[in-house]
Amino acid sequence: MRTIDKPYFYEQTINRSRFICSLYPINNLDEANQILAQTRKQYYDATHNCYAYILGDAGEVTKNSDDKEPAQTAGIVIYEVLKKHNLTNILAIVTRYYGGIKLGAGGLIRAYSSSTSQAVNQAELLEIIPCLVIEITYDYVYSNAISALFTPEQELEKNFADQISFKYLIPAHEKDKIIEKITSITKNTATFKILQEITKPLKNPN
């Protein structure tokens, strides 16, 4: 599964109707409902605020709404785009300002589909993969060499005492490779402790 870690927006006009797609990362139903309420307030004068969301590690929680558009022309269309891209923990809202020209069922389906697709296409999609929180303890002399192995986003906590103790978030499938590299750098003096197993979206996993 994949997700996003920040909002994305896309806007287009079709036969004088204005369509604004807003994508948001969400972690639970409360966040989805809060964002929906904020969007309805922001676009209080819009004709429709149609949406779909998907939640869960396997995308098991879903909901969509046509918001008074003809049935099956908006919410389910938005959902299908998210599903096609294997997305979860995401909310897509397509706001429509009616421009005076009726689009028909087919036109509405194409408009809501393309608005959502264009927003997804410009988003950076993150793979949700099994991860580990690992604590690594080593001597100060190896600090620069070990830090170079990780991105700033992977650094969770630093402790400085007689030795350096760092907590990192790493892809589970990279554990053995990382331990092997650090063992070589530190001449077998570093220690390792697995603290937690989680699933997490990461950028550019190897």
N, C-alpha and C. Protein backbone atom coordinates (compact mmCIF):
# COMPACT_ATOMS: atom_id res chain seq x y z
N MET A 1 0.84 -1.20 0.00
CA MET A 1 0.00 0.00 0.00
C MET A 1 0.88 1.25 0.00
N ARG A 2 0.28 2.36 -0.45
CA ARG A 2 1.01 3.63 -0.49
C ARG A 2 0.16 4.73 0.16
N THR A 3 0.79 5.85 0.45
CA THR A 3 0.08 6.97 1.05
C THR A 3 0.82 8.27 0.72
N ILE A 4 0.38 9.37 1.32
CA ILE A 4 1.05 10.66 1.20
C ILE A 4 1.35 11.18 2.60
N ASP A 5 2.27 12.15 2.70
CA ASP A 5 2.59 12.68 4.02
C ASP A 5 2.32 14.18 4.13
N LYS A 6 1.68 14.75 3.09
CA LYS A 6 1.30 16.16 3.15
C LYS A 6 0.15 16.39 2.16
N PRO A 7 -0.58 17.49 2.30
CA PRO A 7 -1.70 17.75 1.39
C PRO A 7 -1.23 18.11 -0.02
N TYR A 8 -2.07 17.79 -0.99
CA TYR A 8 -1.86 18.17 -2.38
C TYR A 8 -3.18 18.69 -2.95
N PHE A 9 -3.07 19.63 -3.91
CA PHE A 9 -4.27 20.24 -4.47
C PHE A 9 -4.14 20.34 -6.00
N TYR A 10 -5.27 20.16 -6.65
CA TYR A 10 -5.31 20.31 -8.11
C TYR A 10 -6.65 20.95 -8.48
N GLU A 11 -6.60 21.89 -9.43
CA GLU A 11 -7.82 22.58 -9.84
C GLU A 11 -7.92 22.61 -11.36
N GLN A 12 -9.12 22.40 -11.86
CA GLN A 12 -9.37 22.52 -13.30
C GLN A 12 -10.79 23.02 -13.52
N THR A 13 -11.03 23.59 -14.70
CA THR A 13 -12.35 24.06 -15.09
C THR A 13 -12.81 23.27 -16.31
N ILE A 14 -14.03 22.73 -16.21
CA ILE A 14 -14.61 21.93 -17.30
C ILE A 14 -15.99 22.49 -17.60
N ASN A 15 -16.17 23.00 -18.81
CA ASN A 15 -17.46 23.60 -19.20
C ASN A 15 -17.99 24.56 -18.13
N ARG A 16 -17.09 25.42 -17.69
CA ARG A 16 -17.38 26.50 -16.74
C ARG A 16 -17.58 26.02 -15.29
N SER A 17 -17.59 24.70 -15.07
CA SER A 17 -17.62 24.20 -13.70
C SER A 17 -16.19 24.09 -13.17
N ARG A 18 -16.01 24.57 -11.97
CA ARG A 18 -14.69 24.57 -11.34
C ARG A 18 -14.58 23.36 -10.41
N PHE A 19 -13.55 22.56 -10.60
CA PHE A 19 -13.32 21.36 -9.78
C PHE A 19 -12.00 21.53 -9.03
N ILE A 20 -12.04 21.38 -7.72
CA ILE A 20 -10.85 21.51 -6.88
C ILE A 20 -10.67 20.21 -6.11
N CYS A 21 -9.61 19.48 -6.38
CA CYS A 21 -9.34 18.24 -5.66
C CYS A 21 -8.31 18.51 -4.56
N SER A 22 -8.66 18.10 -3.35
CA SER A 22 -7.77 18.24 -2.19
C SER A 22 -7.47 16.85 -1.65
N LEU A 23 -6.19 16.52 -1.55
CA LEU A 23 -5.75 15.25 -0.98
C LEU A 23 -5.13 15.50 0.39
N TYR A 24 -5.52 14.69 1.38
CA TYR A 24 -4.97 14.84 2.72
C TYR A 24 -4.55 13.48 3.28
N PRO A 25 -3.40 13.43 3.97
CA PRO A 25 -3.06 12.21 4.72
C PRO A 25 -3.90 12.17 5.99
N ILE A 26 -4.43 11.01 6.33
CA ILE A 26 -5.23 10.86 7.55
C ILE A 26 -4.81 9.57 8.26
N ASN A 27 -5.00 9.56 9.58
CA ASN A 27 -4.66 8.39 10.37
C ASN A 27 -5.86 7.72 11.01
N ASN A 28 -7.01 8.42 11.04
CA ASN A 28 -8.20 7.87 11.68
C ASN A 28 -9.44 8.61 11.20
N LEU A 29 -10.60 8.12 11.63
CA LEU A 29 -11.87 8.71 11.19
C LEU A 29 -12.05 10.12 11.72
N ASP A 30 -11.58 10.39 12.94
CA ASP A 30 -11.72 11.73 13.50
C ASP A 30 -11.00 12.76 12.63
N GLU A 31 -9.80 12.44 12.16
CA GLU A 31 -9.07 13.36 11.29
C GLU A 31 -9.83 13.58 9.99
N ALA A 32 -10.38 12.50 9.42
CA ALA A 32 -11.15 12.63 8.18
C ALA A 32 -12.34 13.57 8.38
N ASN A 33 -13.07 13.37 9.47
CA ASN A 33 -14.26 14.19 9.72
C ASN A 33 -13.91 15.65 9.99
N GLN A 34 -12.79 15.87 10.69
CA GLN A 34 -12.35 17.24 10.95
C GLN A 34 -11.99 17.97 9.66
N ILE A 35 -11.28 17.29 8.78
CA ILE A 35 -10.88 17.90 7.50
C ILE A 35 -12.10 18.15 6.63
N LEU A 36 -13.04 17.22 6.63
CA LEU A 36 -14.27 17.41 5.86
C LEU A 36 -15.04 18.63 6.36
N ALA A 37 -15.12 18.78 7.68
CA ALA A 37 -15.81 19.94 8.25
C ALA A 37 -15.10 21.24 7.88
N GLN A 38 -13.78 21.23 7.94
CA GLN A 38 -13.01 22.43 7.58
C GLN A 38 -13.18 22.78 6.11
N THR A 39 -13.22 21.75 5.26
CA THR A 39 -13.36 21.99 3.82
C THR A 39 -14.74 22.55 3.49
N ARG A 40 -15.76 22.00 4.13
CA ARG A 40 -17.13 22.52 3.91
C ARG A 40 -17.23 23.98 4.36
N LYS A 41 -16.50 24.31 5.42
CA LYS A 41 -16.49 25.69 5.89
C LYS A 41 -15.72 26.59 4.93
N GLN A 42 -14.57 26.09 4.46
CA GLN A 42 -13.75 26.87 3.53
C GLN A 42 -14.48 27.13 2.22
N TYR A 43 -15.13 26.08 1.70
CA TYR A 43 -15.85 26.18 0.43
C TYR A 43 -17.36 26.16 0.70
N TYR A 44 -17.78 27.03 1.60
CA TYR A 44 -19.19 27.05 2.03
C TYR A 44 -20.14 27.37 0.88
N ASP A 45 -19.65 28.07 -0.13
CA ASP A 45 -20.51 28.47 -1.24
C ASP A 45 -20.41 27.53 -2.44
N ALA A 46 -19.70 26.40 -2.28
CA ALA A 46 -19.57 25.44 -3.38
C ALA A 46 -20.88 24.69 -3.59
N THR A 47 -21.07 24.19 -4.79
CA THR A 47 -22.26 23.41 -5.10
C THR A 47 -22.18 22.01 -4.49
N HIS A 48 -21.01 21.41 -4.52
CA HIS A 48 -20.81 20.05 -3.99
C HIS A 48 -19.42 19.92 -3.40
N ASN A 49 -19.32 19.13 -2.33
CA ASN A 49 -18.04 18.69 -1.78
C ASN A 49 -18.09 17.16 -1.70
N CYS A 50 -17.73 16.52 -2.78
CA CYS A 50 -17.76 15.05 -2.85
C CYS A 50 -16.43 14.50 -2.34
N TYR A 51 -16.47 13.29 -1.79
CA TYR A 51 -15.22 12.79 -1.20
C TYR A 51 -15.19 11.27 -1.17
N ALA A 52 -13.99 10.78 -0.88
CA ALA A 52 -13.77 9.36 -0.58
C ALA A 52 -12.56 9.27 0.32
N TYR A 53 -12.58 8.32 1.26
CA TYR A 53 -11.37 8.07 2.03
C TYR A 53 -11.15 6.57 2.20
N ILE A 54 -9.88 6.24 2.42
CA ILE A 54 -9.46 4.86 2.66
C ILE A 54 -8.53 4.88 3.87
N LEU A 55 -8.76 3.95 4.80
CA LEU A 55 -7.95 3.85 6.01
C LEU A 55 -7.56 2.40 6.27
N GLY A 56 -6.44 2.23 6.99
CA GLY A 56 -6.03 0.90 7.43
C GLY A 56 -4.85 0.36 6.65
N ASP A 57 -4.09 -0.53 7.28
CA ASP A 57 -2.91 -1.10 6.63
C ASP A 57 -3.26 -1.82 5.35
N ALA A 58 -4.46 -2.39 5.28
CA ALA A 58 -4.90 -3.09 4.08
C ALA A 58 -6.01 -2.33 3.36
N GLY A 59 -6.24 -1.06 3.74
CA GLY A 59 -7.29 -0.28 3.11
C GLY A 59 -8.68 -0.80 3.40
N GLU A 60 -8.87 -1.32 4.62
CA GLU A 60 -10.11 -2.01 4.94
C GLU A 60 -11.26 -1.07 5.33
N VAL A 61 -10.96 0.17 5.65
CA VAL A 61 -12.01 1.13 6.04
C VAL A 61 -12.18 2.15 4.92
N THR A 62 -13.39 2.22 4.36
CA THR A 62 -13.63 3.14 3.24
C THR A 62 -14.98 3.82 3.40
N LYS A 63 -15.10 4.98 2.77
CA LYS A 63 -16.38 5.68 2.69
C LYS A 63 -16.30 6.66 1.53
N ASN A 64 -17.43 6.89 0.86
CA ASN A 64 -17.47 7.89 -0.19
C ASN A 64 -18.83 8.56 -0.22
N SER A 65 -18.88 9.75 -0.77
CA SER A 65 -20.12 10.52 -0.82
C SER A 65 -20.24 11.28 -2.14
N ASP A 66 -21.44 11.24 -2.73
CA ASP A 66 -21.73 12.01 -3.94
C ASP A 66 -22.18 13.43 -3.62
N ASP A 67 -22.51 13.70 -2.36
CA ASP A 67 -22.94 15.03 -1.92
C ASP A 67 -23.93 15.66 -2.90
N LYS A 68 -25.00 14.92 -3.18
CA LYS A 68 -26.13 15.40 -4.00
C LYS A 68 -25.85 15.46 -5.50
N GLU A 69 -24.67 15.01 -5.92
CA GLU A 69 -24.49 14.77 -7.35
C GLU A 69 -25.29 13.50 -7.69
N PRO A 70 -25.60 13.24 -8.96
CA PRO A 70 -26.29 12.00 -9.32
C PRO A 70 -25.53 10.78 -8.80
N ALA A 71 -26.27 9.79 -8.33
CA ALA A 71 -25.66 8.61 -7.71
C ALA A 71 -24.62 7.97 -8.62
N GLN A 72 -23.51 7.57 -8.01
CA GLN A 72 -22.44 6.84 -8.68
C GLN A 72 -21.63 7.69 -9.68
N THR A 73 -21.73 9.02 -9.58
CA THR A 73 -20.98 9.86 -10.52
C THR A 73 -19.83 10.61 -9.86
N ALA A 74 -19.68 10.50 -8.54
CA ALA A 74 -18.67 11.32 -7.87
C ALA A 74 -17.89 10.53 -6.81
N GLY A 75 -18.53 10.24 -5.67
CA GLY A 75 -17.80 9.62 -4.56
C GLY A 75 -17.14 8.30 -4.92
N ILE A 76 -17.88 7.40 -5.55
CA ILE A 76 -17.31 6.11 -5.91
C ILE A 76 -16.22 6.27 -6.98
N VAL A 77 -16.37 7.29 -7.80
CA VAL A 77 -15.37 7.56 -8.85
C VAL A 77 -14.05 8.00 -8.20
N ILE A 78 -14.16 8.88 -7.22
CA ILE A 78 -12.97 9.33 -6.47
C ILE A 78 -12.31 8.13 -5.78
N TYR A 79 -13.15 7.31 -5.15
CA TYR A 79 -12.63 6.11 -4.45
C TYR A 79 -11.87 5.19 -5.40
N GLU A 80 -12.42 4.96 -6.58
CA GLU A 80 -11.80 4.04 -7.52
C GLU A 80 -10.42 4.53 -7.96
N VAL A 81 -10.24 5.85 -8.07
CA VAL A 81 -8.92 6.38 -8.41
C VAL A 81 -7.93 6.09 -7.29
N LEU A 82 -8.35 6.32 -6.04
CA LEU A 82 -7.47 6.04 -4.90
C LEU A 82 -7.12 4.56 -4.85
N LYS A 83 -8.13 3.73 -5.06
CA LYS A 83 -7.92 2.27 -5.02
C LYS A 83 -6.97 1.84 -6.14
N LYS A 84 -7.15 2.39 -7.32
CA LYS A 84 -6.30 2.04 -8.47
C LYS A 84 -4.82 2.30 -8.16
N HIS A 85 -4.54 3.35 -7.40
CA HIS A 85 -3.16 3.71 -7.06
C HIS A 85 -2.69 3.03 -5.78
N ASN A 86 -3.52 2.09 -5.25
CA ASN A 86 -3.14 1.32 -4.06
C ASN A 86 -2.86 2.22 -2.86
N LEU A 87 -3.72 3.22 -2.67
CA LEU A 87 -3.53 4.20 -1.61
C LEU A 87 -4.35 3.87 -0.37
N THR A 88 -3.83 4.25 0.78
CA THR A 88 -4.56 4.14 2.03
C THR A 88 -4.18 5.30 2.93
N ASN A 89 -4.91 5.44 4.04
CA ASN A 89 -4.71 6.56 4.97
C ASN A 89 -4.73 7.89 4.21
N ILE A 90 -5.75 8.04 3.39
CA ILE A 90 -5.86 9.21 2.52
C ILE A 90 -7.32 9.62 2.37
N LEU A 91 -7.53 10.92 2.31
CA LEU A 91 -8.85 11.51 2.07
C LEU A 91 -8.75 12.38 0.82
N ALA A 92 -9.65 12.16 -0.12
CA ALA A 92 -9.73 12.99 -1.33
C ALA A 92 -11.08 13.68 -1.37
N ILE A 93 -11.06 15.01 -1.48
CA ILE A 93 -12.29 15.80 -1.57
C ILE A 93 -12.25 16.55 -2.90
N VAL A 94 -13.30 16.43 -3.68
CA VAL A 94 -13.40 17.20 -4.91
C VAL A 94 -14.56 18.18 -4.76
N THR A 95 -14.21 19.44 -4.70
CA THR A 95 -15.17 20.53 -4.56
C THR A 95 -15.57 21.01 -5.95
N ARG A 96 -16.88 21.18 -6.15
CA ARG A 96 -17.35 21.65 -7.46
C ARG A 96 -18.16 22.93 -7.31
N TYR A 97 -17.79 23.89 -8.13
CA TYR A 97 -18.61 25.10 -8.30
C TYR A 97 -19.30 24.98 -9.66
N TYR A 98 -20.62 24.83 -9.64
CA TYR A 98 -21.37 24.64 -10.88
C TYR A 98 -21.30 25.89 -11.75
N GLY A 99 -21.02 25.67 -13.05
CA GLY A 99 -20.82 26.80 -13.95
C GLY A 99 -21.97 27.09 -14.88
N GLY A 100 -23.09 26.36 -14.71
CA GLY A 100 -24.26 26.66 -15.53
C GLY A 100 -24.48 25.72 -16.69
N ILE A 101 -23.52 24.84 -16.97
CA ILE A 101 -23.66 23.88 -18.06
C ILE A 101 -23.67 22.47 -17.47
N LYS A 102 -24.74 21.73 -17.72
CA LYS A 102 -24.83 20.37 -17.20
C LYS A 102 -23.85 19.46 -17.95
N LEU A 103 -23.17 18.61 -17.19
CA LEU A 103 -22.15 17.74 -17.77
C LEU A 103 -22.70 16.36 -18.11
N GLY A 104 -23.84 15.99 -17.54
CA GLY A 104 -24.35 14.64 -17.75
C GLY A 104 -23.58 13.64 -16.91
N ALA A 105 -24.13 12.45 -16.75
CA ALA A 105 -23.50 11.43 -15.90
C ALA A 105 -22.08 11.10 -16.37
N GLY A 106 -21.92 10.89 -17.68
CA GLY A 106 -20.60 10.56 -18.20
C GLY A 106 -19.61 11.68 -18.00
N GLY A 107 -20.06 12.90 -18.22
CA GLY A 107 -19.19 14.06 -18.04
C GLY A 107 -18.77 14.24 -16.59
N LEU A 108 -19.70 13.99 -15.67
CA LEU A 108 -19.38 14.10 -14.24
C LEU A 108 -18.35 13.04 -13.83
N ILE A 109 -18.56 11.82 -14.30
CA ILE A 109 -17.61 10.74 -13.97
C ILE A 109 -16.21 11.09 -14.47
N ARG A 110 -16.13 11.57 -15.69
CA ARG A 110 -14.81 11.94 -16.23
C ARG A 110 -14.21 13.10 -15.45
N ALA A 111 -15.04 14.08 -15.07
CA ALA A 111 -14.53 15.26 -14.36
C ALA A 111 -14.01 14.90 -12.98
N TYR A 112 -14.77 14.11 -12.23
CA TYR A 112 -14.32 13.73 -10.89
C TYR A 112 -13.13 12.77 -10.95
N SER A 113 -13.12 11.90 -11.94
CA SER A 113 -11.99 10.98 -12.10
C SER A 113 -10.72 11.72 -12.47
N SER A 114 -10.80 12.62 -13.44
CA SER A 114 -9.59 13.32 -13.88
C SER A 114 -9.09 14.28 -12.81
N SER A 115 -9.98 14.92 -12.08
CA SER A 115 -9.56 15.85 -11.02
C SER A 115 -8.76 15.10 -9.95
N THR A 116 -9.28 13.93 -9.55
CA THR A 116 -8.59 13.13 -8.54
C THR A 116 -7.29 12.55 -9.09
N SER A 117 -7.33 12.06 -10.32
CA SER A 117 -6.14 11.46 -10.92
C SER A 117 -5.01 12.47 -11.06
N GLN A 118 -5.33 13.68 -11.49
CA GLN A 118 -4.30 14.71 -11.64
C GLN A 118 -3.68 15.08 -10.30
N ALA A 119 -4.50 15.14 -9.25
CA ALA A 119 -3.96 15.44 -7.92
C ALA A 119 -3.03 14.33 -7.46
N VAL A 120 -3.43 13.07 -7.66
CA VAL A 120 -2.60 11.94 -7.27
C VAL A 120 -1.31 11.92 -8.08
N ASN A 121 -1.41 12.23 -9.36
CA ASN A 121 -0.22 12.19 -10.22
C ASN A 121 0.84 13.19 -9.81
N GLN A 122 0.45 14.30 -9.19
CA GLN A 122 1.45 15.30 -8.79
C GLN A 122 1.95 15.06 -7.36
N ALA A 123 1.36 14.08 -6.68
CA ALA A 123 1.75 13.81 -5.30
C ALA A 123 2.95 12.87 -5.23
N GLU A 124 3.74 13.02 -4.19
CA GLU A 124 4.80 12.06 -3.91
C GLU A 124 4.18 10.92 -3.10
N LEU A 125 4.15 9.73 -3.67
CA LEU A 125 3.53 8.59 -3.02
C LEU A 125 4.59 7.80 -2.25
N LEU A 126 4.28 7.48 -1.01
CA LEU A 126 5.22 6.80 -0.13
C LEU A 126 4.77 5.36 0.09
N GLU A 127 5.69 4.44 -0.02
CA GLU A 127 5.40 3.03 0.24
C GLU A 127 5.26 2.80 1.74
N ILE A 128 4.21 2.10 2.13
CA ILE A 128 4.03 1.72 3.53
C ILE A 128 4.65 0.33 3.69
N ILE A 129 5.71 0.25 4.46
CA ILE A 129 6.47 -1.00 4.56
C ILE A 129 6.73 -1.35 6.02
N PRO A 130 7.03 -2.63 6.30
CA PRO A 130 7.42 -3.01 7.66
C PRO A 130 8.73 -2.32 8.05
N CYS A 131 8.74 -1.73 9.23
CA CYS A 131 9.92 -1.00 9.71
C CYS A 131 10.29 -1.44 11.12
N LEU A 132 11.50 -1.09 11.49
CA LEU A 132 12.00 -1.37 12.83
C LEU A 132 12.52 -0.09 13.45
N VAL A 133 12.29 0.05 14.74
CA VAL A 133 12.99 1.07 15.52
C VAL A 133 14.18 0.38 16.17
N ILE A 134 15.38 0.80 15.79
CA ILE A 134 16.60 0.14 16.25
C ILE A 134 17.45 1.13 17.04
N GLU A 135 17.98 0.69 18.16
CA GLU A 135 18.89 1.51 18.97
C GLU A 135 20.31 1.02 18.72
N ILE A 136 21.17 1.96 18.35
CA ILE A 136 22.56 1.63 18.03
C ILE A 136 23.46 2.44 18.95
N THR A 137 24.37 1.77 19.63
CA THR A 137 25.30 2.43 20.56
C THR A 137 26.73 2.22 20.07
N TYR A 138 27.49 3.33 20.03
CA TYR A 138 28.84 3.23 19.46
C TYR A 138 29.69 4.39 19.99
N ASP A 139 30.99 4.30 19.73
CA ASP A 139 31.93 5.33 20.18
C ASP A 139 31.83 6.58 19.30
N TYR A 140 32.18 7.70 19.90
CA TYR A 140 32.07 8.99 19.22
C TYR A 140 32.89 9.04 17.93
N VAL A 141 33.98 8.34 17.87
CA VAL A 141 34.88 8.42 16.72
C VAL A 141 34.19 7.96 15.43
N TYR A 142 33.13 7.17 15.57
CA TYR A 142 32.43 6.64 14.39
C TYR A 142 31.18 7.44 14.03
N SER A 143 30.96 8.55 14.69
CA SER A 143 29.69 9.29 14.56
C SER A 143 29.40 9.71 13.12
N ASN A 144 30.35 10.36 12.47
CA ASN A 144 30.09 10.87 11.11
C ASN A 144 29.83 9.74 10.12
N ALA A 145 30.60 8.70 10.21
CA ALA A 145 30.45 7.58 9.27
C ALA A 145 29.10 6.90 9.43
N ILE A 146 28.64 6.75 10.65
CA ILE A 146 27.36 6.09 10.88
C ILE A 146 26.20 7.02 10.52
N SER A 147 26.29 8.27 10.86
CA SER A 147 25.22 9.23 10.54
C SER A 147 24.98 9.31 9.03
N ALA A 148 26.04 9.13 8.26
CA ALA A 148 25.93 9.21 6.80
C ALA A 148 25.08 8.09 6.21
N LEU A 149 24.83 7.04 7.00
CA LEU A 149 24.03 5.92 6.50
C LEU A 149 22.53 6.19 6.56
N PHE A 150 22.13 7.26 7.26
CA PHE A 150 20.71 7.49 7.52
C PHE A 150 20.29 8.88 7.06
N THR A 151 19.01 9.03 6.75
CA THR A 151 18.45 10.34 6.44
C THR A 151 18.00 11.01 7.74
N PRO A 152 17.85 12.34 7.75
CA PRO A 152 17.36 13.01 8.96
C PRO A 152 16.00 12.49 9.42
N GLU A 153 15.15 12.07 8.46
CA GLU A 153 13.83 11.56 8.82
C GLU A 153 13.89 10.25 9.59
N GLN A 154 15.00 9.53 9.44
CA GLN A 154 15.15 8.24 10.11
C GLN A 154 15.66 8.39 11.54
N GLU A 155 16.19 9.55 11.89
CA GLU A 155 16.72 9.77 13.23
C GLU A 155 15.59 10.10 14.19
N LEU A 156 15.40 9.27 15.21
CA LEU A 156 14.30 9.45 16.15
C LEU A 156 14.74 10.07 17.47
N GLU A 157 15.92 9.67 17.95
CA GLU A 157 16.35 10.13 19.28
C GLU A 157 17.86 9.99 19.40
N LYS A 158 18.48 10.96 20.07
CA LYS A 158 19.92 10.92 20.29
C LYS A 158 20.21 11.02 21.79
N ASN A 159 21.13 10.20 22.26
CA ASN A 159 21.59 10.30 23.65
C ASN A 159 23.11 10.28 23.66
N PHE A 160 23.67 11.23 24.38
CA PHE A 160 25.13 11.35 24.45
C PHE A 160 25.59 11.11 25.89
N ALA A 161 26.40 10.08 26.08
CA ALA A 161 26.98 9.77 27.39
C ALA A 161 28.41 9.34 27.16
N ASP A 162 28.83 8.22 27.76
CA ASP A 162 30.17 7.72 27.47
C ASP A 162 30.28 7.30 26.01
N GLN A 163 29.15 6.84 25.46
CA GLN A 163 29.06 6.52 24.05
C GLN A 163 27.81 7.20 23.47
N ILE A 164 27.69 7.19 22.14
CA ILE A 164 26.50 7.73 21.49
C ILE A 164 25.48 6.63 21.35
N SER A 165 24.23 6.93 21.68
CA SER A 165 23.15 5.98 21.50
C SER A 165 22.07 6.65 20.64
N PHE A 166 21.86 6.13 19.45
CA PHE A 166 20.90 6.69 18.50
C PHE A 166 19.75 5.69 18.29
N LYS A 167 18.55 6.24 18.15
CA LYS A 167 17.41 5.42 17.73
C LYS A 167 17.05 5.82 16.30
N TYR A 168 16.98 4.82 15.43
CA TYR A 168 16.68 5.06 14.02
C TYR A 168 15.46 4.24 13.59
N LEU A 169 14.77 4.77 12.59
CA LEU A 169 13.71 4.04 11.93
C LEU A 169 14.26 3.49 10.62
N ILE A 170 14.21 2.18 10.46
CA ILE A 170 14.79 1.57 9.26
C ILE A 170 13.80 0.58 8.63
N PRO A 171 13.85 0.40 7.31
CA PRO A 171 13.06 -0.66 6.68
C PRO A 171 13.50 -2.01 7.23
N ALA A 172 12.54 -2.86 7.56
CA ALA A 172 12.88 -4.15 8.18
C ALA A 172 13.80 -4.98 7.29
N HIS A 173 13.61 -4.89 5.97
CA HIS A 173 14.42 -5.73 5.07
C HIS A 173 15.86 -5.25 4.96
N GLU A 174 16.16 -4.05 5.51
CA GLU A 174 17.53 -3.54 5.46
C GLU A 174 18.30 -3.80 6.75
N LYS A 175 17.66 -4.44 7.73
CA LYS A 175 18.29 -4.61 9.05
C LYS A 175 19.66 -5.28 8.96
N ASP A 176 19.71 -6.42 8.31
CA ASP A 176 20.98 -7.17 8.27
C ASP A 176 22.08 -6.38 7.58
N LYS A 177 21.72 -5.69 6.49
CA LYS A 177 22.70 -4.91 5.74
C LYS A 177 23.24 -3.76 6.60
N ILE A 178 22.33 -3.09 7.32
CA ILE A 178 22.74 -1.96 8.17
C ILE A 178 23.64 -2.44 9.31
N ILE A 179 23.25 -3.53 9.96
CA ILE A 179 24.06 -4.06 11.06
C ILE A 179 25.43 -4.47 10.56
N GLU A 180 25.47 -5.09 9.38
CA GLU A 180 26.76 -5.51 8.81
C GLU A 180 27.66 -4.31 8.54
N LYS A 181 27.09 -3.24 7.96
CA LYS A 181 27.89 -2.05 7.66
C LYS A 181 28.43 -1.40 8.93
N ILE A 182 27.56 -1.26 9.93
CA ILE A 182 27.99 -0.58 11.16
C ILE A 182 28.97 -1.45 11.94
N THR A 183 28.77 -2.74 11.92
CA THR A 183 29.73 -3.64 12.57
C THR A 183 31.11 -3.49 11.93
N SER A 184 31.12 -3.35 10.60
CA SER A 184 32.41 -3.17 9.91
C SER A 184 33.02 -1.82 10.24
N ILE A 185 32.21 -0.75 10.24
CA ILE A 185 32.72 0.60 10.53
C ILE A 185 33.31 0.67 11.93
N THR A 186 32.62 0.05 12.90
CA THR A 186 33.03 0.17 14.30
C THR A 186 33.95 -0.96 14.76
N LYS A 187 34.36 -1.78 13.80
CA LYS A 187 35.26 -2.90 14.12
C LYS A 187 34.66 -3.80 15.21
N ASN A 188 33.37 -4.07 15.02
CA ASN A 188 32.62 -5.00 15.88
C ASN A 188 32.45 -4.50 17.32
N THR A 189 32.43 -3.17 17.50
CA THR A 189 32.27 -2.64 18.86
C THR A 189 30.88 -2.04 19.11
N ALA A 190 30.08 -1.85 18.08
CA ALA A 190 28.74 -1.29 18.26
C ALA A 190 27.78 -2.35 18.79
N THR A 191 26.75 -1.88 19.49
CA THR A 191 25.70 -2.79 19.96
C THR A 191 24.36 -2.37 19.35
N PHE A 192 23.47 -3.36 19.21
CA PHE A 192 22.20 -3.12 18.53
C PHE A 192 21.06 -3.69 19.37
N LYS A 193 19.93 -2.96 19.37
CA LYS A 193 18.75 -3.44 20.08
C LYS A 193 17.50 -3.06 19.25
N ILE A 194 16.68 -4.06 18.91
CA ILE A 194 15.43 -3.81 18.21
C ILE A 194 14.38 -3.44 19.25
N LEU A 195 13.82 -2.24 19.14
CA LEU A 195 12.89 -1.74 20.14
C LEU A 195 11.42 -1.91 19.74
N GLN A 196 11.15 -1.86 18.43
CA GLN A 196 9.75 -1.87 18.01
C GLN A 196 9.64 -2.30 16.54
N GLU A 197 8.55 -3.00 16.22
CA GLU A 197 8.23 -3.35 14.83
C GLU A 197 6.94 -2.62 14.46
N ILE A 198 6.97 -1.83 13.39
CA ILE A 198 5.82 -1.05 12.97
C ILE A 198 5.74 -1.03 11.44
N THR A 199 4.58 -0.60 10.93
CA THR A 199 4.49 -0.29 9.50
C THR A 199 4.49 1.23 9.37
N LYS A 200 5.19 1.72 8.38
CA LYS A 200 5.41 3.16 8.27
C LYS A 200 5.63 3.55 6.81
N PRO A 201 5.10 4.72 6.40
CA PRO A 201 5.43 5.21 5.06
C PRO A 201 6.84 5.79 5.04
N LEU A 202 7.63 5.34 4.08
CA LEU A 202 9.00 5.84 3.95
C LEU A 202 9.24 6.32 2.53
N LYS A 203 10.06 7.34 2.38
CA LYS A 203 10.43 7.85 1.06
C LYS A 203 11.51 6.98 0.45
N ASN A 204 11.31 6.67 -0.83
CA ASN A 204 12.33 5.96 -1.62
C ASN A 204 12.95 4.78 -0.90
N PRO A 205 12.12 3.80 -0.44
CA PRO A 205 12.72 2.62 0.19
C PRO A 205 13.53 1.82 -0.81
N ASN A 206 14.61 1.19 -0.35
CA ASN A 206 15.44 0.38 -1.24
C ASN A 206 14.88 -1.03 -1.34
